[in-house]
C-alpha atoms as a PDB file:
ATOM      1  CA  UNK A   1      -6.243 -16.087  26.903  1.00  0.00           C
ATOM      2  CA  UNK A   2      -4.536 -13.412  24.813  1.00  0.00           C
ATOM      3  CA  UNK A   3      -4.795 -12.020  21.306  1.00  0.00           C
ATOM      4  CA  UNK A   4      -1.471 -11.200  19.662  1.00  0.00           C
ATOM      5  CA  UNK A   5      -2.090  -8.705  16.867  1.00  0.00           C
ATOM      6  CA  UNK A   6       0.507  -7.982  14.181  1.00  0.00           C
ATOM      7  CA  UNK A   7      -0.292  -4.882  12.158  1.00  0.00           C
ATOM      8  CA  UNK A   8       1.262  -3.510   8.953  1.00  0.00           C
ATOM      9  CA  UNK A   9       0.396  -0.857   6.386  1.00  0.00           C
ATOM     10  CA  UNK A  10       0.323  -1.776   2.705  1.00  0.00           C
ATOM     11  CA  UNK A  11       1.759   0.726   0.245  1.00  0.00           C
ATOM     12  CA  UNK A  12      -0.837   2.374  -1.981  1.00  0.00           C
ATOM     13  CA  UNK A  13      -2.127  -0.062  -4.593  1.00  0.00           C
ATOM     14  CA  UNK A  14      -0.424  -3.125  -3.080  1.00  0.00           C
ATOM     15  CA  UNK A  15      -3.002  -4.281  -0.521  1.00  0.00           C
ATOM     16  CA  UNK A  16      -4.121  -7.325  -2.578  1.00  0.00           C
ATOM     17  CA  UNK A  17      -0.492  -8.433  -2.969  1.00  0.00           C
ATOM     18  CA  UNK A  18       0.177  -8.034   0.763  1.00  0.00           C
ATOM     19  CA  UNK A  19      -2.952 -10.042   1.597  1.00  0.00           C
ATOM     20  CA  UNK A  20      -1.804 -12.862  -0.688  1.00  0.00           C
ATOM     21  CA  UNK A  21       1.618 -12.843   1.008  1.00  0.00           C
ATOM     22  CA  UNK A  22      -0.072 -12.992   4.418  1.00  0.00           C
ATOM     23  CA  UNK A  23      -2.279 -15.934   3.393  1.00  0.00           C
ATOM     24  CA  UNK A  24       0.714 -17.797   1.962  1.00  0.00           C
ATOM     25  CA  UNK A  25       2.708 -17.119   5.155  1.00  0.00           C
ATOM     26  CA  UNK A  26      -0.045 -18.634   7.275  1.00  0.00           C
ATOM     27  CA  UNK A  27      -0.185 -21.804   5.173  1.00  0.00           C
ATOM     28  CA  UNK A  28       3.529 -22.332   4.625  1.00  0.00           C
ATOM     29  CA  UNK A  29       5.236 -20.789   7.668  1.00  0.00           C
ATOM     30  CA  UNK A  30       2.699 -20.047  10.391  1.00  0.00           C
ATOM     31  CA  UNK A  31       1.538 -23.649  10.309  1.00  0.00           C
ATOM     32  CA  UNK A  32       5.061 -24.704  11.358  1.00  0.00           C
ATOM     33  CA  UNK A  33       4.692 -22.825  14.663  1.00  0.00           C
ATOM     34  CA  UNK A  34       1.097 -23.834  15.365  1.00  0.00           C
ATOM     35  CA  UNK A  35      -0.632 -20.818  13.846  1.00  0.00           C
ATOM     36  CA  UNK A  36      -3.383 -21.815  11.434  1.00  0.00           C
ATOM     37  CA  UNK A  37      -6.899 -20.891  10.322  1.00  0.00           C
ATOM     38  CA  UNK A  38      -8.393 -22.146  13.602  1.00  0.00           C
ATOM     39  CA  UNK A  39      -6.474 -19.677  15.808  1.00  0.00           C
ATOM     40  CA  UNK A  40      -5.569 -16.892  13.367  1.00  0.00           C
ATOM     41  CA  UNK A  41      -7.535 -14.414  11.288  1.00  0.00           C
ATOM     42  CA  UNK A  42      -6.677 -11.608   8.880  1.00  0.00           C
ATOM     43  CA  UNK A  43      -8.321  -8.196   9.100  1.00  0.00           C
ATOM     44  CA  UNK A  44      -8.182  -5.107   6.895  1.00  0.00           C
ATOM     45  CA  UNK A  45      -9.124  -1.519   7.590  1.00  0.00           C
ATOM     46  CA  UNK A  46     -12.643  -0.577   6.600  1.00  0.00           C
ATOM     47  CA  UNK A  47     -14.632   2.122   8.435  1.00  0.00           C
ATOM     48  CA  UNK A  48     -12.796   4.390  10.871  1.00  0.00           C
ATOM     49  CA  UNK A  49      -9.488   2.663  10.160  1.00  0.00           C
ATOM     50  CA  UNK A  50      -6.894   3.156   7.463  1.00  0.00           C
ATOM     51  CA  UNK A  51      -7.799   1.078   4.412  1.00  0.00           C
ATOM     52  CA  UNK A  52      -4.121   0.197   4.059  1.00  0.00           C
ATOM     53  CA  UNK A  53      -4.050  -1.519   7.461  1.00  0.00           C
ATOM     54  CA  UNK A  54      -3.680  -5.282   7.485  1.00  0.00           C
ATOM     55  CA  UNK A  55      -3.730  -7.138  10.776  1.00  0.00           C
ATOM     56  CA  UNK A  56      -3.145 -10.719  11.750  1.00  0.00           C
ATOM     57  CA  UNK A  57      -4.746 -11.772  15.041  1.00  0.00           C
ATOM     58  CA  UNK A  58      -3.492 -14.908  16.750  1.00  0.00           C
ATOM     59  CA  UNK A  59      -5.270 -16.439  19.726  1.00  0.00           C
ATOM     60  CA  UNK A  60      -2.720 -17.670  22.290  1.00  0.00           C
ATOM     61  CA  UNK A  61      -2.843 -19.057  25.799  1.00  0.00           C
ATOM     62  CA  UNK A  62      -0.190 -16.806  27.362  1.00  0.00           C
ATOM     63  CA  UNK A  63       3.026 -14.878  26.728  1.00  0.00           C
ATOM     64  CA  UNK A  64       5.106 -18.034  27.128  1.00  0.00           C
ATOM     65  CA  UNK A  65       3.286 -19.555  24.144  1.00  0.00           C
ATOM     66  CA  UNK A  66       3.947 -16.425  22.094  1.00  0.00           C
ATOM     67  CA  UNK A  67       7.609 -16.375  23.074  1.00  0.00           C
ATOM     68  CA  UNK A  68       8.014 -20.034  22.097  1.00  0.00           C
ATOM     69  CA  UNK A  69       6.357 -19.373  18.727  1.00  0.00           C
ATOM     70  CA  UNK A  70       8.653 -16.394  18.064  1.00  0.00           C
ATOM     71  CA  UNK A  71      11.670 -18.520  19.011  1.00  0.00           C
ATOM     72  CA  UNK A  72      10.663 -21.212  16.499  1.00  0.00           C
ATOM     73  CA  UNK A  73       9.923 -18.558  13.884  1.00  0.00           C
ATOM     74  CA  UNK A  74      13.429 -17.072  14.195  1.00  0.00           C
ATOM     75  CA  UNK A  75      14.874 -20.407  13.061  1.00  0.00           C
ATOM     76  CA  UNK A  76      12.762 -20.803   9.911  1.00  0.00           C
ATOM     77  CA  UNK A  77      14.717 -19.608   6.876  1.00  0.00           C
ATOM     78  CA  UNK A  78      11.527 -19.409   4.790  1.00  0.00           C
ATOM     79  CA  UNK A  79      10.265 -16.699   7.182  1.00  0.00           C
ATOM     80  CA  UNK A  80      13.334 -14.563   6.532  1.00  0.00           C
ATOM     81  CA  UNK A  81      12.888 -15.011   2.772  1.00  0.00           C
ATOM     82  CA  UNK A  82       9.175 -14.181   3.038  1.00  0.00           C
ATOM     83  CA  UNK A  83       9.956 -10.993   4.973  1.00  0.00           C
ATOM     84  CA  UNK A  84      12.297  -9.809   2.252  1.00  0.00           C
ATOM     85  CA  UNK A  85       9.706 -10.597  -0.440  1.00  0.00           C
ATOM     86  CA  UNK A  86       7.033  -8.635   1.469  1.00  0.00           C
ATOM     87  CA  UNK A  87       9.147  -5.545   2.205  1.00  0.00           C
ATOM     88  CA  UNK A  88       8.651  -3.675  -1.121  1.00  0.00           C
ATOM     89  CA  UNK A  89       4.869  -3.771  -0.665  1.00  0.00           C
ATOM     90  CA  UNK A  90       4.577  -2.339   2.866  1.00  0.00           C
ATOM     91  CA  UNK A  91       5.282   1.045   4.434  1.00  0.00           C
ATOM     92  CA  UNK A  92       8.614   0.887   6.264  1.00  0.00           C
ATOM     93  CA  UNK A  93       8.399   1.272  10.015  1.00  0.00           C
ATOM     94  CA  UNK A  94       4.740   0.285  10.317  1.00  0.00           C
ATOM     95  CA  UNK A  95       4.931  -3.366  11.439  1.00  0.00           C
ATOM     96  CA  UNK A  96       4.055  -3.650  15.116  1.00  0.00           C
ATOM     97  CA  UNK A  97       2.818  -6.151  17.677  1.00  0.00           C
ATOM     98  CA  UNK A  98       0.081  -5.511  20.234  1.00  0.00           C
ATOM     99  CA  UNK A  99      -1.048  -7.975  22.865  1.00  0.00           C
ATOM    100  CA  UNK A 100      -4.608  -7.930  24.214  1.00  0.00           C
ATOM    101  CA  UNK A 101      -6.046  -9.851  27.127  1.00  0.00           C
ATOM    102  CA  UNK A 102      -9.402 -11.544  26.464  1.00  0.00           C
ATOM    103  CA  UNK A 103     -11.942 -10.692  29.181  1.00  0.00           C
ATOM    104  CA  UNK A 104     -14.293 -13.524  30.098  1.00  0.00           C
END
């Protein structure tokens, strides 16, 4: 099992707006590729992390599952629109993916 973590930095003062965008994405777009509240969670920086950090963690079986989800995502026009709506509220160049292996 893997955890795919997408991380972004909210611009100063816009963290609540970014969180609302992330929640809406999960309901309207993520659900179309199998990502929902049962396998995804949102995190924000608190102690020892930047308060502007917002992360989405998705539990996946393997890299093939992640690749298939990304392939589906690339074909959803609403995702492209959502990305453009989100852009003014985040720090450019900060979105990144990290993949972690879950140790049993």
